[in-house]
C-alpha atoms as a PDB file:
ATOM      1  CA  MET A   1       1.342  -2.682 -13.796  1.00  0.00           C
ATOM      2  CA  SER A   2      -0.291   0.344 -12.509  1.00  0.00           C
ATOM      3  CA  PHE A   3      -0.854   1.599  -8.914  1.00  0.00           C
ATOM      4  CA  THR A   4      -3.082   4.037  -7.238  1.00  0.00           C
ATOM      5  CA  VAL A   5      -1.749   6.503  -4.667  1.00  0.00           C
ATOM      6  CA  LYS A   6      -3.231   9.035  -2.330  1.00  0.00           C
ATOM      7  CA  ILE A   7      -1.271  11.311   0.096  1.00  0.00           C
ATOM      8  CA  HIS A   8      -3.149  12.103   3.285  1.00  0.00           C
ATOM      9  CA  GLY A   9      -2.191  15.018   5.429  1.00  0.00           C
ATOM     10  CA  LYS A  10       0.311  16.917   3.676  1.00  0.00           C
ATOM     11  CA  ASP A  11       1.972  17.917   7.063  1.00  0.00           C
ATOM     12  CA  SER A  12       5.134  15.839   7.020  1.00  0.00           C
ATOM     13  CA  SER A  13       4.644  14.659  10.685  1.00  0.00           C
ATOM     14  CA  ARG A  14       1.165  13.275   9.966  1.00  0.00           C
ATOM     15  CA  GLU A  15       1.441  12.344   6.337  1.00  0.00           C
ATOM     16  CA  ILE A  16       0.215   8.981   5.270  1.00  0.00           C
ATOM     17  CA  ILE A  17       0.956   7.573   1.812  1.00  0.00           C
ATOM     18  CA  ALA A  18      -1.665   4.997   0.766  1.00  0.00           C
ATOM     19  CA  ALA A  19      -0.968   2.846  -2.411  1.00  0.00           C
ATOM     20  CA  CYS A  20      -2.337  -0.234  -3.927  1.00  0.00           C
ATOM     21  CA  ASP A  21      -2.297  -2.372  -7.101  1.00  0.00           C
ATOM     22  CA  SER A  22      -4.888  -0.740  -9.321  1.00  0.00           C
ATOM     23  CA  GLU A  23      -6.604  -3.988 -10.042  1.00  0.00           C
ATOM     24  CA  ILE A  24      -7.680  -4.542  -6.423  1.00  0.00           C
ATOM     25  CA  LEU A  25      -9.077  -1.023  -6.023  1.00  0.00           C
ATOM     26  CA  GLY A  26     -12.637  -1.310  -4.736  1.00  0.00           C
ATOM     27  CA  LYS A  27     -12.348  -4.900  -3.528  1.00  0.00           C
ATOM     28  CA  ILE A  28     -12.876  -6.191  -0.036  1.00  0.00           C
ATOM     29  CA  LEU A  29     -10.416  -8.740   1.174  1.00  0.00           C
ATOM     30  CA  ILE A  30     -11.797 -11.193   3.693  1.00  0.00           C
ATOM     31  CA  ASP A  31      -9.987 -13.596   5.960  1.00  0.00           C
ATOM     32  CA  LYS A  32     -12.685 -15.391   7.833  1.00  0.00           C
ATOM     33  CA  GLU A  33     -10.176 -17.334  10.069  1.00  0.00           C
ATOM     34  CA  ARG A  34      -8.532 -14.151  11.399  1.00  0.00           C
ATOM     35  CA  GLU A  35     -11.769 -12.238  11.163  1.00  0.00           C
ATOM     36  CA  ILE A  36     -10.406  -9.528   9.006  1.00  0.00           C
ATOM     37  CA  GLU A  37     -12.349  -7.503   6.384  1.00  0.00           C
ATOM     38  CA  PHE A  38     -10.080  -5.049   4.526  1.00  0.00           C
ATOM     39  CA  LYS A  39     -11.658  -2.673   2.063  1.00  0.00           C
ATOM     40  CA  VAL A  40      -9.268  -1.287  -0.617  1.00  0.00           C
ATOM     41  CA  SER A  41     -11.304   1.881  -0.984  1.00  0.00           C
ATOM     42  CA  GLU A  42     -10.845   4.591  -3.560  1.00  0.00           C
ATOM     43  CA  GLU A  43     -11.438   7.119  -0.713  1.00  0.00           C
ATOM     44  CA  PHE A  44      -8.215   5.915   1.078  1.00  0.00           C
ATOM     45  CA  TYR A  45      -6.124   4.668  -1.767  1.00  0.00           C
ATOM     46  CA  GLY A  46      -7.094   7.168  -4.420  1.00  0.00           C
ATOM     47  CA  SER A  47      -8.076   6.824  -8.082  1.00  0.00           C
ATOM     48  CA  GLU A  48      -5.348   8.114 -10.170  1.00  0.00           C
ATOM     49  CA  SER A  49      -3.060   5.457 -11.877  1.00  0.00           C
ATOM     50  CA  PHE A  50       0.700   5.639 -11.707  1.00  0.00           C
ATOM     51  CA  GLU A  51       3.629   3.530 -12.817  1.00  0.00           C
ATOM     52  CA  TRP A  52       6.092   2.312 -10.207  1.00  0.00           C
ATOM     53  CA  GLU A  53       8.785   4.701 -11.263  1.00  0.00           C
ATOM     54  CA  GLU A  54       6.372   7.546 -10.593  1.00  0.00           C
ATOM     55  CA  ILE A  55       5.665   6.556  -7.002  1.00  0.00           C
ATOM     56  CA  VAL A  56       8.783   4.837  -5.756  1.00  0.00           C
ATOM     57  CA  ASP A  57      10.259   8.183  -4.334  1.00  0.00           C
ATOM     58  CA  SER A  58       7.094   8.925  -2.363  1.00  0.00           C
ATOM     59  CA  ILE A  59       7.087   5.523  -0.857  1.00  0.00           C
ATOM     60  CA  SER A  60      10.811   5.412  -0.047  1.00  0.00           C
ATOM     61  CA  ASN A  61      10.587   8.906   1.550  1.00  0.00           C
ATOM     62  CA  GLY A  62       7.310   8.551   3.333  1.00  0.00           C
ATOM     63  CA  ARG A  63       7.188   8.537   7.021  1.00  0.00           C
ATOM     64  CA  ASN A  64       4.029   6.504   7.179  1.00  0.00           C
ATOM     65  CA  VAL A  65       3.149   4.247   4.239  1.00  0.00           C
ATOM     66  CA  ASN A  66       0.339   1.829   3.763  1.00  0.00           C
ATOM     67  CA  ILE A  67       0.584  -0.543   0.649  1.00  0.00           C
ATOM     68  CA  VAL A  68      -1.561  -3.433  -0.438  1.00  0.00           C
ATOM     69  CA  GLY A  69      -1.306  -5.756  -3.497  1.00  0.00           C
ATOM     70  CA  ASN A  70       1.063  -8.445  -4.423  1.00  0.00           C
ATOM     71  CA  ASN A  71       2.782  -6.375  -7.174  1.00  0.00           C
ATOM     72  CA  ILE A  72       3.438  -3.137  -5.148  1.00  0.00           C
ATOM     73  CA  VAL A  73       4.551  -5.123  -2.138  1.00  0.00           C
ATOM     74  CA  GLU A  74       6.976  -7.236  -4.144  1.00  0.00           C
ATOM     75  CA  LEU A  75       8.357  -4.145  -5.841  1.00  0.00           C
ATOM     76  CA  ALA A  76       8.807  -2.487  -2.406  1.00  0.00           C
ATOM     77  CA  ILE A  77      10.619  -5.636  -1.149  1.00  0.00           C
ATOM     78  CA  LYS A  78      12.854  -5.805  -4.331  1.00  0.00           C
ATOM     79  CA  ASN A  79      13.765  -2.134  -3.816  1.00  0.00           C
ATOM     80  CA  GLY A  80      14.673  -2.753  -0.018  1.00  0.00           C
ATOM     81  CA  LEU A  81      11.827  -0.651   1.166  1.00  0.00           C
ATOM     82  CA  ILE A  82      10.144  -3.377   3.176  1.00  0.00           C
ATOM     83  CA  ASP A  83      11.378  -6.398   5.020  1.00  0.00           C
ATOM     84  CA  PRO A  84       9.597  -9.523   3.715  1.00  0.00           C
ATOM     85  CA  LYS A  85       9.012 -10.611   7.362  1.00  0.00           C
ATOM     86  CA  SER A  86       6.764  -7.709   7.915  1.00  0.00           C
ATOM     87  CA  VAL A  87       4.328  -8.559   5.159  1.00  0.00           C
ATOM     88  CA  ILE A  88       1.009 -10.164   6.036  1.00  0.00           C
ATOM     89  CA  GLU A  89      -1.471 -11.630   3.573  1.00  0.00           C
ATOM     90  CA  ILE A  90      -5.158 -11.181   3.642  1.00  0.00           C
ATOM     91  CA  ASN A  91      -6.908 -13.912   1.455  1.00  0.00           C
ATOM     92  CA  GLY A  92      -3.813 -14.221  -0.629  1.00  0.00           C
ATOM     93  CA  VAL A  93      -3.208 -10.399  -1.167  1.00  0.00           C
ATOM     94  CA  LYS A  94       0.033  -8.933   0.481  1.00  0.00           C
ATOM     95  CA  HIS A  95      -0.216  -5.904   2.735  1.00  0.00           C
ATOM     96  CA  ALA A  96       2.609  -3.897   4.484  1.00  0.00           C
ATOM     97  CA  GLN A  97       3.077  -0.751   6.392  1.00  0.00           C
ATOM     98  CA  ILE A  98       6.041   1.484   6.998  1.00  0.00           C
ATOM     99  CA  TYR A  99       6.227   3.628  10.096  1.00  0.00           C
ATOM    100  CA  SER A 100       8.885   6.140  10.940  1.00  0.00           C
ATOM    101  CA  LEU A 101       9.005   7.467  14.625  1.00  0.00           C
END
């Protein structure tokens, strides 16, 4: 399994960590019922591939984290980083966010 990650705004108060399963990068997730169109863009999620072990610290220490993909969300749940109740699905693909105030 590989993932892509991009860190936006290196300022710790405004930093956003965006990560996704590499295989969904570039796809558009559509849920017509809820009128959601979610683009998993390289511009937002990055293009460099990493293994879970290489990104878990960034995700666990991030103040604002946006993750999408069944594999990455499941690993985040398994590692206690995300409550499974806070996960949504868009056309069968899991998405979660972590915010620290």
